[in-house]
Amino acid sequence: MNKIEIEVSTPEINLEGMTIDHVCKESGCEYVAGFIARHFFEKCPDMRKPLVQQSAANAGWIRKISDGKLLEPSTLWFNYFKKFEEYFDALYPRNSISKQEGIVAKISSILISRFPEIPVKILHYYSRIRIFIRISTLNKQTEARNYKVQEQFYQLSKRPISVEPAAESEPL
């Protein structure tokens, strides 16, 4: 496993100059980090960005889709979250997941050993959510592929079948 160093002093997200894939990944990470922050808000209020730091200038995607129930993750929490993502992506590369038992426990135990300052419940919850998202994504991709195959089969079945008449045989 690659050794990943943690540094949690990165500045606010600046989406300018990023590719659309990168913007989507950053926004998705912000959404999930905010979802987890909301789940643990009562016990760990520092996972949420302080209200004085929330403004229209740095609101991001979360404010655009929220009906008031999503939280903006704090900079510290979001940076931890991105480090968790690095471990997750190293363990389960893009569009893959292990078929073995205990995949949530595996990523949880790695994160617990690497980030002892983060409560175990938060790391376990992150692992469960992240595995769920990956499985959901893989299921949607499989469904889309199956639909495409079914559509191709349907298109082939609509084609008229040309049958050449059999050559007339001479009577014996």
Protein backbone atom coordinates (compact mmCIF):
# COMPACT_ATOMS: atom_id res chain seq x y z
CA MET A 1 0.00 0.00 0.00
CA ASN A 2 1.28 3.45 -0.86
CA LYS A 3 2.15 5.66 2.06
CA ILE A 4 0.00 8.80 2.03
CA GLU A 5 1.04 11.81 4.05
CA ILE A 6 -1.65 14.00 5.58
CA GLU A 7 -1.65 17.75 5.39
CA VAL A 8 -4.80 19.54 6.45
CA SER A 9 -3.95 23.14 5.75
CA THR A 10 -5.06 23.41 2.13
CA PRO A 11 -7.06 26.51 1.14
CA GLU A 12 -10.67 26.72 -0.02
CA ILE A 13 -11.63 24.90 -3.19
CA ASN A 14 -11.08 26.92 -6.34
CA LEU A 15 -13.00 25.32 -9.20
CA GLU A 16 -11.64 27.64 -11.88
CA GLY A 17 -9.30 25.92 -14.31
CA MET A 18 -10.41 22.42 -13.31
CA THR A 19 -11.71 19.85 -15.77
CA ILE A 20 -15.40 18.94 -15.56
CA ASP A 21 -14.49 15.51 -14.13
CA HIS A 22 -12.42 17.11 -11.40
CA VAL A 23 -15.18 19.64 -10.58
CA CYS A 24 -17.72 16.81 -10.35
CA LYS A 25 -15.44 14.75 -8.09
CA GLU A 26 -14.72 17.72 -5.80
CA SER A 27 -18.40 18.64 -5.62
CA GLY A 28 -19.40 15.03 -4.96
CA CYS A 29 -16.79 14.78 -2.19
CA GLU A 30 -18.06 18.01 -0.67
CA TYR A 31 -21.61 16.64 -0.76
CA VAL A 32 -20.69 13.34 0.94
CA ALA A 33 -18.44 15.07 3.49
CA GLY A 34 -21.34 17.40 4.31
CA PHE A 35 -23.71 14.43 4.57
CA ILE A 36 -21.39 12.76 7.10
CA ALA A 37 -20.90 16.06 8.95
CA ARG A 38 -24.68 16.38 9.27
CA HIS A 39 -24.95 12.84 10.67
CA PHE A 40 -22.36 13.61 13.41
CA PHE A 41 -23.15 17.30 13.89
CA GLU A 42 -24.43 16.92 17.46
CA LYS A 43 -21.30 15.08 18.65
CA CYS A 44 -18.75 16.83 16.42
CA PRO A 45 -19.94 20.34 15.52
CA ASP A 46 -16.46 21.26 14.27
CA MET A 47 -17.09 19.10 11.17
CA ARG A 48 -19.33 21.90 9.88
CA LYS A 49 -18.02 25.11 8.37
CA PRO A 50 -18.69 27.95 10.82
CA LEU A 51 -21.60 30.16 9.79
CA VAL A 52 -19.33 33.22 9.56
CA GLN A 53 -17.27 31.45 6.88
CA GLN A 54 -20.31 30.49 4.82
CA SER A 55 -20.95 32.97 2.05
CA ALA A 56 -22.34 33.04 -1.46
CA ALA A 57 -18.79 33.32 -2.82
CA ASN A 58 -17.68 29.95 -1.46
CA ALA A 59 -21.06 28.24 -1.20
CA GLY A 60 -20.40 25.69 -3.90
CA TRP A 61 -22.62 22.94 -5.08
CA ILE A 62 -24.07 22.05 -1.68
CA ARG A 63 -25.96 25.33 -1.36
CA LYS A 64 -27.35 24.96 -4.87
CA ILE A 65 -28.96 21.57 -4.22
CA SER A 66 -29.73 21.86 -0.52
CA ASP A 67 -33.14 22.40 0.94
CA GLY A 68 -31.49 23.47 4.16
CA LYS A 69 -30.58 20.00 5.41
CA LEU A 70 -27.09 19.71 3.95
CA LEU A 71 -24.08 21.11 5.75
CA GLU A 72 -20.97 22.62 4.29
CA PRO A 73 -18.05 20.62 5.67
CA SER A 74 -15.35 22.51 7.54
CA THR A 75 -12.05 22.92 5.71
CA LEU A 76 -10.33 20.60 8.19
CA TRP A 77 -13.00 17.89 7.87
CA PHE A 78 -13.10 18.18 4.08
CA ASN A 79 -9.31 17.79 3.88
CA TYR A 80 -9.48 14.69 6.06
CA PHE A 81 -12.28 13.39 3.85
CA LYS A 82 -10.13 13.84 0.74
CA LYS A 83 -7.32 11.88 2.41
CA PHE A 84 -9.82 9.09 3.18
CA GLU A 85 -10.71 9.14 -0.51
CA GLU A 86 -7.05 8.64 -1.44
CA TYR A 87 -6.93 5.50 0.69
CA PHE A 88 -10.26 4.28 -0.66
CA ASP A 89 -9.15 4.84 -4.27
CA ALA A 90 -5.83 3.07 -3.61
CA LEU A 91 -7.63 0.08 -2.08
CA TYR A 92 -10.48 -0.02 -4.61
CA PRO A 93 -9.37 1.60 -7.89
CA ARG A 94 -11.93 3.36 -10.05
CA ASN A 95 -14.97 1.27 -10.94
CA SER A 96 -14.01 -1.73 -8.84
CA ILE A 97 -14.86 -3.28 -5.50
CA SER A 98 -13.70 -6.42 -3.76
CA LYS A 99 -16.11 -9.35 -3.78
CA GLN A 100 -14.71 -10.66 -0.50
CA GLU A 101 -16.49 -10.37 2.81
CA GLY A 102 -15.57 -7.61 5.21
CA ILE A 103 -14.79 -4.81 2.77
CA VAL A 104 -16.22 -2.16 5.09
CA ALA A 105 -14.17 -3.49 8.00
CA LYS A 106 -11.04 -3.54 5.82
CA ILE A 107 -11.18 0.12 4.80
CA SER A 108 -12.33 1.08 8.32
CA SER A 109 -9.36 -0.63 9.96
CA ILE A 110 -6.91 1.04 7.58
CA LEU A 111 -8.40 4.46 8.26
CA ILE A 112 -8.53 3.85 12.02
CA SER A 113 -4.82 2.99 12.05
CA ARG A 114 -3.88 6.01 9.89
CA PHE A 115 -6.16 8.58 11.53
CA PRO A 116 -6.36 7.83 15.28
CA GLU A 117 -7.49 11.42 15.96
CA ILE A 118 -10.79 10.82 14.12
CA PRO A 119 -13.51 8.99 16.11
CA VAL A 120 -13.93 5.36 15.07
CA LYS A 121 -17.68 5.78 14.50
CA ILE A 122 -17.02 8.50 11.91
CA LEU A 123 -14.44 6.40 10.07
CA HIS A 124 -16.72 3.37 10.07
CA TYR A 125 -19.64 5.48 8.84
CA TYR A 126 -17.48 6.95 6.06
CA SER A 127 -16.48 3.41 5.02
CA ARG A 128 -20.08 2.20 4.90
CA ILE A 129 -21.28 5.22 2.93
CA ARG A 130 -18.36 5.06 0.51
CA ILE A 131 -18.82 1.33 -0.18
CA PHE A 132 -22.55 1.92 -0.68
CA ILE A 133 -21.84 4.70 -3.20
CA ARG A 134 -19.37 2.53 -5.12
CA ILE A 135 -21.76 -0.43 -5.28
CA SER A 136 -24.59 1.87 -6.36
CA THR A 137 -22.41 3.34 -9.12
CA LEU A 138 -21.35 -0.10 -10.33
CA ASN A 139 -24.98 -1.27 -10.35
CA LYS A 140 -26.02 1.74 -12.43
CA GLN A 141 -23.21 1.10 -14.90
CA THR A 142 -24.21 -2.56 -15.20
CA GLU A 143 -27.84 -1.59 -15.70
CA ALA A 144 -26.87 0.89 -18.43
CA ARG A 145 -24.77 -1.77 -20.22
CA ASN A 146 -27.61 -4.29 -19.98
CA TYR A 147 -30.06 -1.74 -21.35
CA LYS A 148 -27.74 -1.01 -24.26
CA VAL A 149 -27.45 -4.72 -25.08
CA GLN A 150 -31.23 -5.15 -24.85
CA GLU A 151 -31.73 -2.13 -27.11
CA GLN A 152 -29.30 -3.56 -29.68
CA PHE A 153 -31.07 -6.92 -29.56
CA TYR A 154 -34.44 -5.21 -30.01
CA GLN A 155 -33.14 -3.26 -33.02
CA LEU A 156 -31.83 -6.48 -34.57
CA SER A 157 -35.12 -8.26 -33.97
CA LYS A 158 -37.03 -5.52 -35.83
CA ARG A 159 -35.06 -6.05 -39.03
CA PRO A 160 -36.95 -7.99 -41.67
CA ILE A 161 -35.61 -11.41 -42.33
CA SER A 162 -35.16 -12.12 -45.99
CA VAL A 163 -35.67 -15.72 -46.85
CA GLU A 164 -34.71 -16.85 -50.30
CA PRO A 165 -37.13 -19.38 -51.75
CA ALA A 166 -35.67 -22.83 -51.93
CA ALA A 167 -34.67 -23.98 -55.37
CA GLU A 168 -37.33 -26.13 -56.93
CA SER A 169 -36.20 -29.65 -57.20
CA GLU A 170 -36.98 -31.85 -60.18
CA PRO A 171 -39.48 -34.64 -59.60
CA LEU A 172 -37.96 -38.10 -59.36
